[in-house]
Amino acid sequence: MVAAALAPHLTRSLALSDRIAALEVNRVTAGAVSASALEARLATLYGLTAAEARVAAGVGRGRSPKEIAAAHGSSWHTVRAQLRTAFAKTETRTQSALARLVTLREAELAAAKR
């Protein structure tokens, strides 16, 4: 009885892990996409400013807001504000959700490039 109740949840969990594995494969192949191309794509699709797109792309590539701020010589608070605006424009709420979205867009660019 318990196993029957858990079956739908296990199925969804396995399907999710398969999608994550596929994304990781795409992420490896997507490394050939330049940062500027990814940022331009994000700006076009979501109406991000250049700075917001740079922050979103950085988060998508696994960098923390403090790392992004240090790399671009801006304040951590400025990057956090740009990140909040990027969340609103992309309709995401967390850095992990934004990273997932950026990874998908990066994989699309890589696939279009082939």
Protein backbone atom coordinates (compact mmCIF):
# COMPACT_ATOMS: atom_id res chain seq x y z
CA MET A 1 0.00 0.00 0.00
CA VAL A 2 2.80 2.42 0.87
CA ALA A 3 4.73 1.38 -2.25
CA ALA A 4 1.68 2.14 -4.40
CA ALA A 5 1.40 5.59 -2.82
CA LEU A 6 5.09 6.32 -3.45
CA ALA A 7 5.16 5.08 -7.05
CA PRO A 8 4.10 8.39 -8.69
CA HIS A 9 6.65 10.31 -6.62
CA LEU A 10 9.45 7.90 -7.48
CA THR A 11 8.54 8.07 -11.16
CA ARG A 12 8.70 11.87 -11.12
CA SER A 13 11.97 11.78 -9.21
CA LEU A 14 13.56 9.41 -11.71
CA ALA A 15 12.30 11.46 -14.63
CA LEU A 16 13.77 14.58 -13.05
CA SER A 17 17.14 12.92 -12.51
CA ASP A 18 17.16 11.84 -16.18
CA ARG A 19 16.49 15.44 -17.26
CA ILE A 20 19.24 16.73 -14.98
CA ALA A 21 21.70 14.20 -16.41
CA ALA A 22 20.75 15.29 -19.93
CA LEU A 23 21.28 18.92 -18.97
CA GLU A 24 24.73 18.11 -17.63
CA VAL A 25 25.64 16.52 -20.97
CA ASN A 26 24.34 19.61 -22.74
CA ARG A 27 26.24 21.86 -20.34
CA VAL A 28 29.50 20.17 -21.24
CA THR A 29 28.83 20.67 -24.94
CA ALA A 30 27.50 24.18 -24.33
CA GLY A 31 30.87 25.36 -22.99
CA ALA A 32 31.74 26.44 -26.52
CA VAL A 33 29.14 29.22 -26.32
CA SER A 34 30.80 32.57 -25.66
CA ALA A 35 29.74 34.61 -22.65
CA SER A 36 28.81 37.56 -24.85
CA ALA A 37 26.56 35.40 -27.07
CA LEU A 38 24.81 33.97 -24.02
CA GLU A 39 24.38 37.42 -22.49
CA ALA A 40 22.96 38.80 -25.75
CA ARG A 41 20.51 35.89 -25.96
CA LEU A 42 19.34 36.46 -22.38
CA ALA A 43 18.97 40.20 -22.97
CA THR A 44 16.89 39.59 -26.09
CA LEU A 45 14.65 36.90 -24.64
CA TYR A 46 13.96 38.48 -21.27
CA GLY A 47 14.57 42.20 -21.74
CA LEU A 48 17.58 42.22 -19.44
CA THR A 49 20.06 45.07 -19.43
CA ALA A 50 23.65 44.21 -20.29
CA ALA A 51 24.59 44.23 -16.59
CA GLU A 52 21.62 42.03 -15.62
CA ALA A 53 22.43 39.59 -18.42
CA ARG A 54 26.07 39.45 -17.29
CA VAL A 55 24.97 38.64 -13.73
CA ALA A 56 22.43 36.04 -14.90
CA ALA A 57 25.02 34.38 -17.14
CA GLY A 58 27.50 34.34 -14.26
CA VAL A 59 24.97 32.65 -11.98
CA GLY A 60 24.16 30.21 -14.78
CA ARG A 61 27.80 29.27 -14.98
CA GLY A 62 28.02 28.62 -11.25
CA ARG A 63 29.48 31.87 -9.95
CA SER A 64 28.30 33.51 -6.73
CA PRO A 65 27.14 37.15 -6.68
CA LYS A 66 30.28 38.09 -4.74
CA GLU A 67 32.49 36.43 -7.38
CA ILE A 68 30.61 38.24 -10.15
CA ALA A 69 31.00 41.58 -8.34
CA ALA A 70 34.73 41.05 -7.83
CA ALA A 71 35.27 40.02 -11.46
CA HIS A 72 33.54 43.14 -12.78
CA GLY A 73 34.71 45.65 -10.20
CA SER A 74 31.24 46.43 -8.90
CA SER A 75 29.66 46.35 -5.48
CA TRP A 76 28.15 43.13 -4.19
CA HIS A 77 25.02 45.16 -3.39
CA THR A 78 24.78 46.35 -6.99
CA VAL A 79 25.03 42.76 -8.23
CA ARG A 80 22.33 41.67 -5.76
CA ALA A 81 20.02 44.42 -7.07
CA GLN A 82 20.71 43.35 -10.67
CA LEU A 83 20.04 39.76 -9.66
CA ARG A 84 16.68 40.68 -8.12
CA THR A 85 15.69 42.48 -11.33
CA ALA A 86 16.83 39.48 -13.40
CA PHE A 87 14.66 37.23 -11.20
CA ALA A 88 11.65 39.43 -11.89
CA LYS A 89 12.23 39.65 -15.63
CA THR A 90 12.86 35.90 -16.04
CA GLU A 91 10.04 34.98 -13.63
CA THR A 92 12.40 32.99 -11.40
CA ARG A 93 12.74 33.26 -7.64
CA THR A 94 16.05 31.62 -6.76
CA GLN A 95 19.60 31.49 -8.06
CA SER A 96 19.21 27.78 -8.81
CA ALA A 97 16.07 28.40 -10.88
CA LEU A 98 17.86 31.18 -12.77
CA ALA A 99 20.89 28.93 -13.29
CA ARG A 100 18.63 26.22 -14.71
CA LEU A 101 17.03 28.69 -17.11
CA VAL A 102 20.41 30.04 -18.23
CA THR A 103 21.72 26.50 -18.73
CA LEU A 104 18.76 25.69 -20.98
CA ARG A 105 19.33 28.83 -23.06
CA GLU A 106 23.05 28.04 -23.29
CA ALA A 107 22.26 24.52 -24.50
CA GLU A 108 19.89 25.96 -27.12
CA LEU A 109 22.64 28.24 -28.38
CA ALA A 110 25.10 25.37 -28.54
CA ALA A 111 22.59 23.21 -30.44
CA ALA A 112 21.88 26.03 -32.90
CA LYS A 113 25.62 26.47 -33.41
CA ARG A 114 26.10 22.86 -34.55
